């Protein structure tokens, strides 16, 4: 029994360490660092993307410091993910709209190279990427209105 534990324990520790260290690296470019504020990265499963921030699986926020910023987030187990980047210029933790209350006034970016369209943000099906793709690293450009 002790021999079995001596053999299996290192294996379990190795497997646990490998799973725990899986990260999604999101490289964000096009950030207008002169506007200040915070940059949010939100990772969603198939529920809530892109508007219901409270339903995101992961959220990470950093103060805007450069035109390019990189985030590393723990990889969720979902097979497909969609990522939203928000340059929250006024630090109110939501997308600030234009004077008409319809169109975003702050910079946004989405996974899979998607952008705001004539009818609003992309849906999950358009912006989704596989978990395997996310583990290889994602690049997202922030686009300002």
C-alpha atoms as a PDB file:
ATOM      1  CA  UNK A   1       0.000   0.000   0.000  1.00  0.00           C
ATOM      2  CA  UNK A   2       2.781   2.432   0.889  1.00  0.00           C
ATOM      3  CA  UNK A   3       4.573   1.621  -2.387  1.00  0.00           C
ATOM      4  CA  UNK A   4       1.409   2.406  -4.337  1.00  0.00           C
ATOM      5  CA  UNK A   5       1.022   5.744  -2.526  1.00  0.00           C
ATOM      6  CA  UNK A   6       4.672   6.602  -3.157  1.00  0.00           C
ATOM      7  CA  UNK A   7       4.143   6.042  -6.872  1.00  0.00           C
ATOM      8  CA  UNK A   8       0.720   7.657  -7.220  1.00  0.00           C
ATOM      9  CA  UNK A   9       1.181  10.700  -4.983  1.00  0.00           C
ATOM     10  CA  UNK A  10       3.763  12.414  -7.230  1.00  0.00           C
ATOM     11  CA  UNK A  11       1.558  11.658 -10.248  1.00  0.00           C
ATOM     12  CA  UNK A  12      -1.490  13.272  -8.590  1.00  0.00           C
ATOM     13  CA  UNK A  13       0.583  16.275  -7.553  1.00  0.00           C
ATOM     14  CA  UNK A  14       1.893  16.672 -11.110  1.00  0.00           C
ATOM     15  CA  UNK A  15      -1.570  16.398 -12.665  1.00  0.00           C
ATOM     16  CA  UNK A  16      -3.073  18.816 -10.126  1.00  0.00           C
ATOM     17  CA  UNK A  17      -0.267  21.310 -10.697  1.00  0.00           C
ATOM     18  CA  UNK A  18      -0.635  21.149 -14.488  1.00  0.00           C
ATOM     19  CA  UNK A  19      -4.405  21.750 -14.393  1.00  0.00           C
ATOM     20  CA  UNK A  20      -4.109  24.523 -11.814  1.00  0.00           C
ATOM     21  CA  UNK A  21      -1.513  26.377 -13.877  1.00  0.00           C
ATOM     22  CA  UNK A  22      -3.447  26.482 -17.155  1.00  0.00           C
ATOM     23  CA  UNK A  23      -3.790  30.128 -18.136  1.00  0.00           C
ATOM     24  CA  UNK A  24      -5.442  32.171 -20.827  1.00  0.00           C
ATOM     25  CA  UNK A  25      -3.167  34.970 -21.938  1.00  0.00           C
ATOM     26  CA  UNK A  26      -4.970  37.907 -23.519  1.00  0.00           C
ATOM     27  CA  UNK A  27      -2.779  40.424 -25.338  1.00  0.00           C
ATOM     28  CA  UNK A  28      -4.683  43.673 -25.818  1.00  0.00           C
ATOM     29  CA  UNK A  29      -3.588  46.372 -28.240  1.00  0.00           C
ATOM     30  CA  UNK A  30      -4.973  49.687 -29.429  1.00  0.00           C
ATOM     31  CA  UNK A  31      -5.577  50.968 -25.893  1.00  0.00           C
ATOM     32  CA  UNK A  32      -5.779  54.777 -25.689  1.00  0.00           C
ATOM     33  CA  UNK A  33      -3.631  55.109 -22.574  1.00  0.00           C
ATOM     34  CA  UNK A  34      -4.098  58.881 -22.457  1.00  0.00           C
ATOM     35  CA  UNK A  35      -7.750  58.413 -21.448  1.00  0.00           C
ATOM     36  CA  UNK A  36      -6.861  56.732 -18.123  1.00  0.00           C
ATOM     37  CA  UNK A  37      -9.378  54.536 -16.387  1.00  0.00           C
ATOM     38  CA  UNK A  38      -9.333  50.747 -16.193  1.00  0.00           C
ATOM     39  CA  UNK A  39      -9.156  47.888 -18.636  1.00  0.00           C
ATOM     40  CA  UNK A  40     -11.531  44.985 -17.978  1.00  0.00           C
ATOM     41  CA  UNK A  41     -11.183  41.505 -19.427  1.00  0.00           C
ATOM     42  CA  UNK A  42     -14.306  39.407 -19.045  1.00  0.00           C
ATOM     43  CA  UNK A  43     -14.389  35.707 -19.955  1.00  0.00           C
ATOM     44  CA  UNK A  44     -17.816  34.208 -20.597  1.00  0.00           C
ATOM     45  CA  UNK A  45     -19.280  30.776 -21.120  1.00  0.00           C
ATOM     46  CA  UNK A  46     -22.379  30.655 -23.318  1.00  0.00           C
ATOM     47  CA  UNK A  47     -24.465  32.655 -20.817  1.00  0.00           C
ATOM     48  CA  UNK A  48     -24.570  36.450 -20.535  1.00  0.00           C
ATOM     49  CA  UNK A  49     -22.128  37.447 -23.265  1.00  0.00           C
ATOM     50  CA  UNK A  50     -21.464  40.297 -23.812  1.00  0.00           C
ATOM     51  CA  UNK A  51     -23.749  42.545 -21.764  1.00  0.00           C
ATOM     52  CA  UNK A  52     -24.352  40.741 -18.462  1.00  0.00           C
ATOM     53  CA  UNK A  53     -21.004  41.264 -16.750  1.00  0.00           C
ATOM     54  CA  UNK A  54     -22.192  39.565 -13.567  1.00  0.00           C
ATOM     55  CA  UNK A  55     -22.481  36.284 -15.516  1.00  0.00           C
ATOM     56  CA  UNK A  56     -18.853  36.272 -16.644  1.00  0.00           C
ATOM     57  CA  UNK A  57     -16.822  33.274 -15.510  1.00  0.00           C
ATOM     58  CA  UNK A  58     -13.753  35.427 -14.897  1.00  0.00           C
ATOM     59  CA  UNK A  59     -13.114  39.137 -14.674  1.00  0.00           C
ATOM     60  CA  UNK A  60      -9.781  40.859 -14.324  1.00  0.00           C
ATOM     61  CA  UNK A  61      -9.230  44.611 -14.060  1.00  0.00           C
ATOM     62  CA  UNK A  62      -6.031  46.617 -14.375  1.00  0.00           C
ATOM     63  CA  UNK A  63      -5.353  50.332 -14.423  1.00  0.00           C
ATOM     64  CA  UNK A  64      -4.582  51.483 -17.973  1.00  0.00           C
ATOM     65  CA  UNK A  65      -0.834  52.032 -18.254  1.00  0.00           C
ATOM     66  CA  UNK A  66       0.109  51.335 -21.888  1.00  0.00           C
ATOM     67  CA  UNK A  67      -1.212  51.052 -25.432  1.00  0.00           C
ATOM     68  CA  UNK A  68      -0.589  47.299 -25.172  1.00  0.00           C
ATOM     69  CA  UNK A  69      -1.468  45.325 -22.062  1.00  0.00           C
ATOM     70  CA  UNK A  70      -1.393  41.605 -21.284  1.00  0.00           C
ATOM     71  CA  UNK A  71      -3.648  39.718 -18.894  1.00  0.00           C
ATOM     72  CA  UNK A  72      -3.206  36.150 -17.633  1.00  0.00           C
ATOM     73  CA  UNK A  73      -6.324  34.464 -16.287  1.00  0.00           C
ATOM     74  CA  UNK A  74      -6.970  30.992 -14.929  1.00  0.00           C
ATOM     75  CA  UNK A  75      -8.476  28.856 -17.683  1.00  0.00           C
ATOM     76  CA  UNK A  76     -12.095  27.850 -17.024  1.00  0.00           C
ATOM     77  CA  UNK A  77     -13.162  24.307 -17.933  1.00  0.00           C
ATOM     78  CA  UNK A  78     -15.812  25.274 -20.518  1.00  0.00           C
ATOM     79  CA  UNK A  79     -15.162  23.967 -24.050  1.00  0.00           C
ATOM     80  CA  UNK A  80     -16.023  27.321 -25.650  1.00  0.00           C
ATOM     81  CA  UNK A  81     -15.454  30.832 -24.354  1.00  0.00           C
ATOM     82  CA  UNK A  82     -16.029  34.392 -25.511  1.00  0.00           C
ATOM     83  CA  UNK A  83     -13.926  37.294 -24.281  1.00  0.00           C
ATOM     84  CA  UNK A  84     -14.851  40.949 -23.978  1.00  0.00           C
ATOM     85  CA  UNK A  85     -12.431  43.785 -23.297  1.00  0.00           C
ATOM     86  CA  UNK A  86     -13.758  47.106 -22.005  1.00  0.00           C
ATOM     87  CA  UNK A  87     -11.723  50.288 -21.603  1.00  0.00           C
ATOM     88  CA  UNK A  88     -13.710  51.694 -18.690  1.00  0.00           C
ATOM     89  CA  UNK A  89     -12.523  55.289 -19.025  1.00  0.00           C
ATOM     90  CA  UNK A  90     -14.738  56.676 -16.266  1.00  0.00           C
ATOM     91  CA  UNK A  91     -14.197  53.659 -13.932  1.00  0.00           C
ATOM     92  CA  UNK A  92     -17.930  53.030 -13.441  1.00  0.00           C
ATOM     93  CA  UNK A  93     -17.577  49.268 -14.179  1.00  0.00           C
ATOM     94  CA  UNK A  94     -19.983  49.314 -17.114  1.00  0.00           C
ATOM     95  CA  UNK A  95     -20.111  50.394 -20.744  1.00  0.00           C
ATOM     96  CA  UNK A  96     -20.875  54.102 -20.888  1.00  0.00           C
ATOM     97  CA  UNK A  97     -23.225  54.951 -23.774  1.00  0.00           C
ATOM     98  CA  UNK A  98     -23.324  57.966 -26.062  1.00  0.00           C
ATOM     99  CA  UNK A  99     -25.724  60.905 -25.605  1.00  0.00           C
ATOM    100  CA  UNK A 100     -28.568  58.885 -27.164  1.00  0.00           C
ATOM    101  CA  UNK A 101     -27.971  55.990 -24.762  1.00  0.00           C
ATOM    102  CA  UNK A 102     -27.614  53.510 -27.596  1.00  0.00           C
ATOM    103  CA  UNK A 103     -24.024  53.296 -28.820  1.00  0.00           C
ATOM    104  CA  UNK A 104     -20.966  52.706 -26.572  1.00  0.00           C
ATOM    105  CA  UNK A 105     -18.780  55.730 -25.865  1.00  0.00           C
ATOM    106  CA  UNK A 106     -15.835  53.679 -24.563  1.00  0.00           C
ATOM    107  CA  UNK A 107     -13.412  51.298 -26.252  1.00  0.00           C
ATOM    108  CA  UNK A 108     -14.443  47.663 -26.691  1.00  0.00           C
ATOM    109  CA  UNK A 109     -12.850  44.527 -28.082  1.00  0.00           C
ATOM    110  CA  UNK A 110     -14.075  40.967 -28.547  1.00  0.00           C
ATOM    111  CA  UNK A 111     -12.561  37.557 -29.142  1.00  0.00           C
ATOM    112  CA  UNK A 112     -12.467  35.998 -32.583  1.00  0.00           C
ATOM    113  CA  UNK A 113     -11.728  39.418 -34.111  1.00  0.00           C
ATOM    114  CA  UNK A 114     -15.348  40.541 -33.779  1.00  0.00           C
ATOM    115  CA  UNK A 115     -16.403  44.180 -33.469  1.00  0.00           C
ATOM    116  CA  UNK A 116     -19.505  46.196 -32.787  1.00  0.00           C
ATOM    117  CA  UNK A 117     -21.923  45.941 -35.695  1.00  0.00           C
ATOM    118  CA  UNK A 118     -24.802  48.027 -36.948  1.00  0.00           C
ATOM    119  CA  UNK A 119     -27.130  46.163 -34.593  1.00  0.00           C
ATOM    120  CA  UNK A 120     -24.860  46.062 -31.544  1.00  0.00           C
ATOM    121  CA  UNK A 121     -22.180  43.780 -30.142  1.00  0.00           C
ATOM    122  CA  UNK A 122     -21.478  40.298 -31.476  1.00  0.00           C
ATOM    123  CA  UNK A 123     -23.276  37.357 -29.952  1.00  0.00           C
ATOM    124  CA  UNK A 124     -21.615  34.391 -28.283  1.00  0.00           C
ATOM    125  CA  UNK A 125     -21.701  32.227 -31.420  1.00  0.00           C
ATOM    126  CA  UNK A 126     -19.795  34.876 -33.396  1.00  0.00           C
ATOM    127  CA  UNK A 127     -17.166  35.626 -30.749  1.00  0.00           C
ATOM    128  CA  UNK A 128     -16.659  32.163 -29.283  1.00  0.00           C
ATOM    129  CA  UNK A 129     -13.305  30.438 -29.345  1.00  0.00           C
ATOM    130  CA  UNK A 130     -12.353  26.961 -28.210  1.00  0.00           C
ATOM    131  CA  UNK A 131     -10.669  26.471 -24.866  1.00  0.00           C
ATOM    132  CA  UNK A 132      -7.671  25.000 -26.687  1.00  0.00           C
ATOM    133  CA  UNK A 133      -7.357  28.148 -28.800  1.00  0.00           C
ATOM    134  CA  UNK A 134      -7.643  30.324 -25.701  1.00  0.00           C
ATOM    135  CA  UNK A 135      -4.823  28.392 -24.009  1.00  0.00           C
ATOM    136  CA  UNK A 136      -2.527  29.239 -26.939  1.00  0.00           C
ATOM    137  CA  UNK A 137      -3.082  32.965 -26.315  1.00  0.00           C
ATOM    138  CA  UNK A 138      -5.562  35.503 -27.623  1.00  0.00           C
ATOM    139  CA  UNK A 139      -5.019  38.899 -29.234  1.00  0.00           C
ATOM    140  CA  UNK A 140      -7.778  41.499 -29.029  1.00  0.00           C
ATOM    141  CA  UNK A 141      -7.772  45.040 -30.408  1.00  0.00           C
ATOM    142  CA  UNK A 142      -9.717  47.708 -28.569  1.00  0.00           C
ATOM    143  CA  UNK A 143     -11.817  49.807 -30.941  1.00  0.00           C
ATOM    144  CA  UNK A 144     -13.126  53.244 -29.997  1.00  0.00           C
ATOM    145  CA  UNK A 145     -16.271  54.871 -31.411  1.00  0.00           C
END
